[in-house]
Amino acid sequence: MIGRLAPLPVVAIHSTRDEFVSAEEVKRVMERASPPKQLWFVEASNHRFIDNTAELNRKLLQAMAWMKEQR
């Protein structure tokens, strides 16, 4: 399904220690996405980025700017 989103840009922001979805799984999903796409990791202790929400917020702003550039 993710492969059908093109030409819409796709960004995944993933916690390095997500307890629900492994890094390998998110990489597999993103491999199926067609460009334009980005996969970014944030050093955080859980799925909710509880100890690094500041970096998550920065990445979200970057993601929105990048998606806008892809128009």
PDB file of N, CA and C in Angstrom:
ATOM      1  N   MET A   1       0.812  -1.202   0.000  1.00  0.00           N
ATOM      2  CA  MET A   1       0.000   0.000   0.000  1.00  0.00           C
ATOM      3  C   MET A   1       0.852   1.261   0.000  1.00  0.00           C
ATOM      4  N   ILE A   2       1.926   1.285   0.776  1.00  0.00           N
ATOM      5  CA  ILE A   2       2.754   2.492   0.836  1.00  0.00           C
ATOM      6  C   ILE A   2       3.386   2.800  -0.518  1.00  0.00           C
ATOM      7  N   GLY A   3       3.612   1.781  -1.315  1.00  0.00           N
ATOM      8  CA  GLY A   3       4.187   1.973  -2.635  1.00  0.00           C
ATOM      9  C   GLY A   3       3.293   2.731  -3.600  1.00  0.00           C
ATOM     10  N   ARG A   4       2.015   2.838  -3.282  1.00  0.00           N
ATOM     11  CA  ARG A   4       1.058   3.530  -4.153  1.00  0.00           C
ATOM     12  C   ARG A   4       0.923   5.020  -3.849  1.00  0.00           C
ATOM     13  N   LEU A   5       1.617   5.506  -2.835  1.00  0.00           N
ATOM     14  CA  LEU A   5       1.465   6.908  -2.445  1.00  0.00           C
ATOM     15  C   LEU A   5       2.157   7.882  -3.389  1.00  0.00           C
ATOM     16  N   ALA A   6       3.174   7.414  -4.086  1.00  0.00           N
ATOM     17  CA  ALA A   6       3.899   8.303  -4.999  1.00  0.00           C
ATOM     18  C   ALA A   6       2.923   8.902  -6.002  1.00  0.00           C
ATOM     19  N   PRO A   7       3.075  10.143  -6.336  1.00  0.00           N
ATOM     20  CA  PRO A   7       4.213  11.008  -6.072  1.00  0.00           C
ATOM     21  C   PRO A   7       4.128  11.780  -4.764  1.00  0.00           C
ATOM     22  N   LEU A   8       3.226  11.410  -3.870  1.00  0.00           N
ATOM     23  CA  LEU A   8       3.166  12.090  -2.572  1.00  0.00           C
ATOM     24  C   LEU A   8       4.412  11.761  -1.757  1.00  0.00           C
ATOM     25  N   PRO A   9       5.023  12.762  -1.105  1.00  0.00           N
ATOM     26  CA  PRO A   9       6.200  12.496  -0.284  1.00  0.00           C
ATOM     27  C   PRO A   9       5.823  11.753   0.999  1.00  0.00           C
ATOM     28  N   VAL A  10       6.722  10.879   1.434  1.00  0.00           N
ATOM     29  CA  VAL A  10       6.513  10.084   2.649  1.00  0.00           C
ATOM     30  C   VAL A  10       7.689  10.318   3.584  1.00  0.00           C
ATOM     31  N   VAL A  11       7.396  10.636   4.832  1.00  0.00           N
ATOM     32  CA  VAL A  11       8.435  10.767   5.853  1.00  0.00           C
ATOM     33  C   VAL A  11       8.034   9.887   7.025  1.00  0.00           C
ATOM     34  N   ALA A  12       8.984   9.075   7.483  1.00  0.00           N
ATOM     35  CA  ALA A  12       8.790   8.302   8.714  1.00  0.00           C
ATOM     36  C   ALA A  12       9.810   8.795   9.726  1.00  0.00           C
ATOM     37  N   ILE A  13       9.327   9.107  10.911  1.00  0.00           N
ATOM     38  CA  ILE A  13      10.198   9.508  12.020  1.00  0.00           C
ATOM     39  C   ILE A  13      10.038   8.435  13.078  1.00  0.00           C
ATOM     40  N   HIS A  14      11.151   7.795  13.414  1.00  0.00           N
ATOM     41  CA  HIS A  14      11.077   6.601  14.252  1.00  0.00           C
ATOM     42  C   HIS A  14      11.992   6.732  15.465  1.00  0.00           C
ATOM     43  N   SER A  15      11.501   6.308  16.603  1.00  0.00           N
ATOM     44  CA  SER A  15      12.304   6.277  17.822  1.00  0.00           C
ATOM     45  C   SER A  15      13.312   5.144  17.750  1.00  0.00           C
ATOM     46  N   THR A  16      14.514   5.395  18.214  1.00  0.00           N
ATOM     47  CA  THR A  16      15.553   4.365  18.184  1.00  0.00           C
ATOM     48  C   THR A  16      15.242   3.186  19.106  1.00  0.00           C
ATOM     49  N   ARG A  17      14.402   3.404  20.099  1.00  0.00           N
ATOM     50  CA  ARG A  17      14.047   2.311  21.008  1.00  0.00           C
ATOM     51  C   ARG A  17      12.526   2.143  21.115  1.00  0.00           C
ATOM     52  N   ASP A  18      11.899   2.183  19.961  1.00  0.00           N
ATOM     53  CA  ASP A  18      10.452   1.968  19.891  1.00  0.00           C
ATOM     54  C   ASP A  18      10.141   0.550  20.360  1.00  0.00           C
ATOM     55  N   GLU A  19       9.250   0.422  21.317  1.00  0.00           N
ATOM     56  CA  GLU A  19       8.928  -0.896  21.872  1.00  0.00           C
ATOM     57  C   GLU A  19       7.854  -1.639  21.078  1.00  0.00           C
ATOM     58  N   PHE A  20       7.277  -0.996  20.075  1.00  0.00           N
ATOM     59  CA  PHE A  20       6.219  -1.625  19.293  1.00  0.00           C
ATOM     60  C   PHE A  20       6.640  -1.983  17.867  1.00  0.00           C
ATOM     61  N   VAL A  21       7.435  -1.118  17.249  1.00  0.00           N
ATOM     62  CA  VAL A  21       7.853  -1.320  15.861  1.00  0.00           C
ATOM     63  C   VAL A  21       9.382  -1.256  15.811  1.00  0.00           C
ATOM     64  N   SER A  22       9.994  -2.323  15.344  1.00  0.00           N
ATOM     65  CA  SER A  22      11.456  -2.360  15.284  1.00  0.00           C
ATOM     66  C   SER A  22      11.973  -1.477  14.144  1.00  0.00           C
ATOM     67  N   ALA A  23      13.226  -1.095  14.270  1.00  0.00           N
ATOM     68  CA  ALA A  23      13.873  -0.314  13.206  1.00  0.00           C
ATOM     69  C   ALA A  23      13.882  -1.109  11.907  1.00  0.00           C
ATOM     70  N   GLU A  24      14.094  -2.414  12.011  1.00  0.00           N
ATOM     71  CA  GLU A  24      14.113  -3.256  10.820  1.00  0.00           C
ATOM     72  C   GLU A  24      12.760  -3.246  10.112  1.00  0.00           C
ATOM     73  N   GLU A  25      11.697  -3.275  10.887  1.00  0.00           N
ATOM     74  CA  GLU A  25      10.351  -3.268  10.300  1.00  0.00           C
ATOM     75  C   GLU A  25      10.061  -1.946   9.596  1.00  0.00           C
ATOM     76  N   VAL A  26      10.376  -0.839  10.233  1.00  0.00           N
ATOM     77  CA  VAL A  26      10.109   0.455   9.592  1.00  0.00           C
ATOM     78  C   VAL A  26      10.975   0.606   8.340  1.00  0.00           C
ATOM     79  N   LYS A  27      12.196   0.082   8.365  1.00  0.00           N
ATOM     80  CA  LYS A  27      13.043   0.115   7.166  1.00  0.00           C
ATOM     81  C   LYS A  27      12.417  -0.711   6.041  1.00  0.00           C
ATOM     82  N   ARG A  28      11.884  -1.876   6.380  1.00  0.00           N
ATOM     83  CA  ARG A  28      11.232  -2.720   5.359  1.00  0.00           C
ATOM     84  C   ARG A  28      10.037  -2.002   4.737  1.00  0.00           C
ATOM     85  N   VAL A  29       9.249  -1.363   5.565  1.00  0.00           N
ATOM     86  CA  VAL A  29       8.082  -0.633   5.052  1.00  0.00           C
ATOM     87  C   VAL A  29       8.538   0.503   4.139  1.00  0.00           C
ATOM     88  N   MET A  30       9.530   1.254   4.581  1.00  0.00           N
ATOM     89  CA  MET A  30       9.982   2.394   3.787  1.00  0.00           C
ATOM     90  C   MET A  30      10.673   1.963   2.503  1.00  0.00           C
ATOM     91  N   GLU A  31      11.255   0.783   2.485  1.00  0.00           N
ATOM     92  CA  GLU A  31      11.843   0.277   1.236  1.00  0.00           C
ATOM     93  C   GLU A  31      10.774   0.099   0.172  1.00  0.00           C
ATOM     94  N   ARG A  32       9.547  -0.193   0.575  1.00  0.00           N
ATOM     95  CA  ARG A  32       8.441  -0.390  -0.369  1.00  0.00           C
ATOM     96  C   ARG A  32       7.868   0.926  -0.876  1.00  0.00           C
ATOM     97  N   ALA A  33       8.162   2.016  -0.174  1.00  0.00           N
ATOM     98  CA  ALA A  33       7.663   3.330  -0.599  1.00  0.00           C
ATOM     99  C   ALA A  33       8.458   3.806  -1.802  1.00  0.00           C
ATOM    100  N   SER A  34       7.771   4.460  -2.711  1.00  0.00           N
ATOM    101  CA  SER A  34       8.440   5.054  -3.867  1.00  0.00           C
ATOM    102  C   SER A  34       8.905   6.456  -3.509  1.00  0.00           C
ATOM    103  N   PRO A  35       9.965   6.928  -4.154  1.00  0.00           N
ATOM    104  CA  PRO A  35      10.394   8.311  -3.918  1.00  0.00           C
ATOM    105  C   PRO A  35       9.299   9.282  -4.319  1.00  0.00           C
ATOM    106  N   PRO A  36       9.285  10.418  -3.685  1.00  0.00           N
ATOM    107  CA  PRO A  36      10.211  10.921  -2.677  1.00  0.00           C
ATOM    108  C   PRO A  36       9.879  10.374  -1.288  1.00  0.00           C
ATOM    109  N   LYS A  37      10.921  10.007  -0.556  1.00  0.00           N
ATOM    110  CA  LYS A  37      10.724   9.437   0.784  1.00  0.00           C
ATOM    111  C   LYS A  37      11.929   9.721   1.655  1.00  0.00           C
ATOM    112  N   GLN A  38      11.690   9.744   2.953  1.00  0.00           N
ATOM    113  CA  GLN A  38      12.741   9.958   3.948  1.00  0.00           C
ATOM    114  C   GLN A  38      12.423   9.086   5.164  1.00  0.00           C
ATOM    115  N   LEU A  39      13.463   8.563   5.790  1.00  0.00           N
ATOM    116  CA  LEU A  39      13.335   7.837   7.056  1.00  0.00           C
ATOM    117  C   LEU A  39      14.326   8.442   8.020  1.00  0.00           C
ATOM    118  N   TRP A  40      13.820   8.974   9.097  1.00  0.00           N
ATOM    119  CA  TRP A  40      14.657   9.624  10.099  1.00  0.00           C
ATOM    120  C   TRP A  40      14.470   8.938  11.442  1.00  0.00           C
ATOM    121  N   PHE A  41      15.566   8.805  12.161  1.00  0.00           N
ATOM    122  CA  PHE A  41      15.537   8.224  13.501  1.00  0.00           C
ATOM    123  C   PHE A  41      15.834   9.299  14.530  1.00  0.00           C
ATOM    124  N   VAL A  42      15.141   9.205  15.646  1.00  0.00           N
ATOM    125  CA  VAL A  42      15.362  10.102  16.775  1.00  0.00           C
ATOM    126  C   VAL A  42      15.776   9.244  17.959  1.00  0.00           C
ATOM    127  N   GLU A  43      16.866   9.611  18.582  1.00  0.00           N
ATOM    128  CA  GLU A  43      17.321   8.920  19.788  1.00  0.00           C
ATOM    129  C   GLU A  43      16.295   9.186  20.895  1.00  0.00           C
ATOM    130  N   ALA A  44      15.567   8.139  21.248  1.00  0.00           N
ATOM    131  CA  ALA A  44      14.529   8.264  22.277  1.00  0.00           C
ATOM    132  C   ALA A  44      14.297   6.899  22.913  1.00  0.00           C
ATOM    133  N   SER A  45      13.773   6.914  24.121  1.00  0.00           N
ATOM    134  CA  SER A  45      13.674   5.677  24.901  1.00  0.00           C
ATOM    135  C   SER A  45      12.420   4.855  24.640  1.00  0.00           C
ATOM    136  N   ASN A  46      11.451   5.413  23.897  1.00  0.00           N
ATOM    137  CA  ASN A  46      10.238   4.621  23.644  1.00  0.00           C
ATOM    138  C   ASN A  46       9.467   5.164  22.436  1.00  0.00           C
ATOM    139  N   HIS A  47       8.364   4.504  22.143  1.00  0.00           N
ATOM    140  CA  HIS A  47       7.508   4.836  21.003  1.00  0.00           C
ATOM    141  C   HIS A  47       7.010   6.280  21.059  1.00  0.00           C
ATOM    142  N   ARG A  48       6.847   6.800  22.251  1.00  0.00           N
ATOM    143  CA  ARG A  48       6.291   8.141  22.435  1.00  0.00           C
ATOM    144  C   ARG A  48       7.357   9.239  22.469  1.00  0.00           C
ATOM    145  N   PHE A  49       8.618   8.876  22.255  1.00  0.00           N
ATOM    146  CA  PHE A  49       9.717   9.846  22.261  1.00  0.00           C
ATOM    147  C   PHE A  49       9.756  10.619  23.577  1.00  0.00           C
ATOM    148  N   ILE A  50       9.338   9.982  24.646  1.00  0.00           N
ATOM    149  CA  ILE A  50       9.079  10.659  25.921  1.00  0.00           C
ATOM    150  C   ILE A  50      10.253  11.491  26.425  1.00  0.00           C
ATOM    151  N   ASP A  51      11.472  11.038  26.177  1.00  0.00           N
ATOM    152  CA  ASP A  51      12.625  11.766  26.698  1.00  0.00           C
ATOM    153  C   ASP A  51      13.334  12.611  25.646  1.00  0.00           C
ATOM    154  N   ASN A  52      12.712  12.773  24.475  1.00  0.00           N
ATOM    155  CA  ASN A  52      13.333  13.594  23.446  1.00  0.00           C
ATOM    156  C   ASN A  52      12.283  14.221  22.522  1.00  0.00           C
ATOM    157  N   THR A  53      11.244  14.767  23.125  1.00  0.00           N
ATOM    158  CA  THR A  53      10.193  15.393  22.321  1.00  0.00           C
ATOM    159  C   THR A  53      10.699  16.641  21.589  1.00  0.00           C
ATOM    160  N   ALA A  54      11.724  17.292  22.129  1.00  0.00           N
ATOM    161  CA  ALA A  54      12.268  18.472  21.459  1.00  0.00           C
ATOM    162  C   ALA A  54      12.832  18.090  20.088  1.00  0.00           C
ATOM    163  N   GLU A  55      13.582  16.981  20.039  1.00  0.00           N
ATOM    164  CA  GLU A  55      14.134  16.524  18.751  1.00  0.00           C
ATOM    165  C   GLU A  55      13.016  16.045  17.827  1.00  0.00           C
ATOM    166  N   LEU A  56      12.025  15.358  18.384  1.00  0.00           N
ATOM    167  CA  LEU A  56      10.881  14.951  17.571  1.00  0.00           C
ATOM    168  C   LEU A  56      10.218  16.170  16.939  1.00  0.00           C
ATOM    169  N   ASN A  57      10.000  17.211  17.720  1.00  0.00           N
ATOM    170  CA  ASN A  57       9.380  18.427  17.187  1.00  0.00           C
ATOM    171  C   ASN A  57      10.228  19.052  16.083  1.00  0.00           C
ATOM    172  N   ARG A  58      11.549  19.067  16.253  1.00  0.00           N
ATOM    173  CA  ARG A  58      12.433  19.589  15.203  1.00  0.00           C
ATOM    174  C   ARG A  58      12.294  18.761  13.932  1.00  0.00           C
ATOM    175  N   LYS A  59      12.273  17.438  14.088  1.00  0.00           N
ATOM    176  CA  LYS A  59      12.147  16.558  12.926  1.00  0.00           C
ATOM    177  C   LYS A  59      10.794  16.742  12.240  1.00  0.00           C
ATOM    178  N   LEU A  60       9.747  16.949  13.016  1.00  0.00           N
ATOM    179  CA  LEU A  60       8.431  17.188  12.416  1.00  0.00           C
ATOM    180  C   LEU A  60       8.434  18.454  11.564  1.00  0.00           C
ATOM    181  N   LEU A  61       9.043  19.507  12.068  1.00  0.00           N
ATOM    182  CA  LEU A  61       9.138  20.742  11.289  1.00  0.00           C
ATOM    183  C   LEU A  61       9.971  20.536  10.029  1.00  0.00           C
ATOM    184  N   GLN A  62      11.085  19.800  10.164  1.00  0.00           N
ATOM    185  CA  GLN A  62      11.908  19.481   8.997  1.00  0.00           C
ATOM    186  C   GLN A  62      11.101  18.674   7.979  1.00  0.00           C
ATOM    187  N   ALA A  63      10.342  17.717   8.474  1.00  0.00           N
ATOM    188  CA  ALA A  63       9.550  16.864   7.588  1.00  0.00           C
ATOM    189  C   ALA A  63       8.524  17.682   6.814  1.00  0.00           C
ATOM    190  N   MET A  64       7.859  18.595   7.498  1.00  0.00           N
ATOM    191  CA  MET A  64       6.873  19.422   6.810  1.00  0.00           C
ATOM    192  C   MET A  64       7.531  20.305   5.754  1.00  0.00           C
ATOM    193  N   ALA A  65       8.689  20.871   6.076  1.00  0.00           N
ATOM    194  CA  ALA A  65       9.398  21.702   5.117  1.00  0.00           C
ATOM    195  C   ALA A  65       9.855  20.866   3.922  1.00  0.00           C
ATOM    196  N   TRP A  66      10.386  19.685   4.192  1.00  0.00           N
ATOM    197  CA  TRP A  66      10.844  18.804   3.104  1.00  0.00           C
ATOM    198  C   TRP A  66       9.676  18.401   2.200  1.00  0.00           C
ATOM    199  N   MET A  67       8.544  18.045   2.804  1.00  0.00           N
ATOM    200  CA  MET A  67       7.385  17.657   2.001  1.00  0.00           C
ATOM    201  C   MET A  67       6.914  18.819   1.124  1.00  0.00           C
ATOM    202  N   LYS A  68       6.935  20.011   1.661  1.00  0.00           N
ATOM    203  CA  LYS A  68       6.534  21.179   0.882  1.00  0.00           C
ATOM    204  C   LYS A  68       7.478  21.398  -0.290  1.00  0.00           C
ATOM    205  N   GLU A  69       8.778  21.158  -0.100  1.00  0.00           N
ATOM    206  CA  GLU A  69       9.763  21.299  -1.176  1.00  0.00           C
ATOM    207  C   GLU A  69       9.530  20.302  -2.311  1.00  0.00           C
ATOM    208  N   GLN A  70       8.894  19.188  -1.994  1.00  0.00           N
ATOM    209  CA  GLN A  70       8.710  18.130  -2.983  1.00  0.00           C
ATOM    210  C   GLN A  70       7.594  18.415  -3.973  1.00  0.00           C
ATOM    211  N   ARG A  71       6.859  19.470  -3.760  1.00  0.00           N
ATOM    212  CA  ARG A  71       5.745  19.827  -4.667  1.00  0.00           C
ATOM    213  C   ARG A  71       6.228  20.075  -6.058  1.00  0.00           C
TER     214      ARG A  71
END
